[in-house]
Amino acid sequence: MREDDLIALAYTVESACMHPIARAIMDYAPYNEPIFKLESSQNRNGEGVAAMVRFREKSLRVYCGNIKLMDKFNVNLDVNQLRENMHSLE
């Protein structure tokens, strides 16, 4: 998946949230409104957002959140790679 698609998906999911991190994601994106259709979303306090987004003629489940959320939905992450990526952003 291309980076601009990832940013557009994150923007779409976070557009329904008022959390400061959601606002930061939206400020980063070069959009003024969601690119894709948000079909449903569920805010999960202390974890993030689980959502369904219409993406290229398919419904796609998207998770924006922390490790707890990813573990809850069995999203496999390479934690070492994430840490390395985070350090490169500092």
Protein backbone atom coordinates (compact mmCIF):
# COMPACT_ATOMS: atom_id res chain seq x y z
CA MET A 1 0.00 0.00 0.00
CA ARG A 2 1.27 3.45 -0.89
CA GLU A 3 2.11 6.00 1.81
CA ASP A 4 -0.49 8.47 0.52
CA ASP A 5 -3.18 5.77 0.81
CA LEU A 6 -2.11 5.08 4.42
CA ILE A 7 -2.30 8.77 5.26
CA ALA A 8 -5.71 9.05 3.60
CA LEU A 9 -7.00 6.01 5.51
CA ALA A 10 -5.69 7.38 8.82
CA TYR A 11 -7.25 10.77 8.06
CA THR A 12 -10.59 9.14 7.26
CA VAL A 13 -10.61 7.12 10.50
CA GLU A 14 -9.40 9.95 12.70
CA SER A 15 -11.82 12.49 11.17
CA ALA A 16 -14.52 11.20 13.54
CA CYS A 17 -12.33 11.70 16.64
CA MET A 18 -11.56 14.67 18.83
CA HIS A 19 -8.43 13.20 20.46
CA PRO A 20 -5.31 15.39 20.17
CA ILE A 21 -3.43 12.64 18.32
CA ALA A 22 -6.31 12.37 15.83
CA ARG A 23 -6.11 16.13 15.29
CA ALA A 24 -2.33 15.88 14.75
CA ILE A 25 -2.82 13.17 12.10
CA MET A 26 -5.41 15.32 10.37
CA ASP A 27 -3.14 18.38 10.50
CA TYR A 28 -0.34 16.34 8.92
CA ALA A 29 -2.47 15.16 6.00
CA PRO A 30 -2.83 17.44 2.96
CA TYR A 31 -6.64 17.12 2.97
CA ASN A 32 -9.58 19.16 4.23
CA GLU A 33 -12.02 16.27 4.25
CA PRO A 34 -11.84 12.47 4.19
CA ILE A 35 -10.86 10.88 0.89
CA PHE A 36 -12.58 7.57 1.63
CA LYS A 37 -15.99 6.80 3.12
CA LEU A 38 -16.02 5.97 6.82
CA GLU A 39 -18.59 3.17 7.13
CA SER A 40 -18.31 2.72 10.89
CA SER A 41 -15.95 3.46 13.74
CA GLN A 42 -15.61 2.55 17.37
CA ASN A 43 -13.54 4.64 19.77
CA ARG A 44 -11.81 2.39 22.29
CA ASN A 45 -10.79 4.44 25.32
CA GLY A 46 -7.10 4.22 26.02
CA GLU A 47 -6.46 2.17 22.87
CA GLY A 48 -7.51 3.97 19.69
CA VAL A 49 -10.10 3.50 16.97
CA ALA A 50 -11.32 0.43 15.08
CA ALA A 51 -13.11 1.34 11.85
CA MET A 52 -14.49 0.11 8.56
CA VAL A 53 -13.55 2.24 5.55
CA ARG A 54 -14.70 1.96 1.94
CA PHE A 55 -11.39 1.66 0.08
CA ARG A 56 -11.31 1.00 -3.67
CA GLU A 57 -14.65 -0.81 -3.86
CA LYS A 58 -13.98 -2.90 -0.74
CA SER A 59 -14.72 -2.54 2.95
CA LEU A 60 -11.42 -2.44 4.79
CA ARG A 61 -10.97 -2.76 8.56
CA VAL A 62 -8.54 -0.13 9.81
CA TYR A 63 -7.02 0.17 13.29
CA CYS A 64 -5.43 3.41 14.49
CA GLY A 65 -4.10 3.08 17.99
CA ASN A 66 -1.60 1.68 20.40
CA ILE A 67 -0.15 -1.79 20.98
CA LYS A 68 -3.09 -2.76 23.22
CA LEU A 69 -5.49 -2.21 20.34
CA MET A 70 -3.29 -4.14 17.91
CA ASP A 71 -2.99 -7.06 20.36
CA LYS A 72 -6.75 -7.10 20.95
CA PHE A 73 -7.39 -7.50 17.22
CA ASN A 74 -4.42 -9.81 16.59
CA VAL A 75 -2.58 -7.36 14.36
CA ASN A 76 0.93 -8.69 13.90
CA LEU A 77 3.52 -5.99 14.38
CA ASP A 78 7.29 -6.10 14.28
CA VAL A 79 7.84 -4.13 17.49
CA ASN A 80 11.59 -3.84 16.89
CA GLN A 81 10.97 -2.35 13.45
CA LEU A 82 8.46 0.10 14.94
CA ARG A 83 10.99 1.20 17.56
CA GLU A 84 13.64 1.67 14.88
CA ASN A 85 11.22 3.75 12.79
CA MET A 86 10.29 5.87 15.79
CA HIS A 87 13.94 6.57 16.61
CA SER A 88 14.59 7.65 13.03
CA LEU A 89 11.83 10.27 13.40
CA GLU A 90 13.38 11.87 16.47
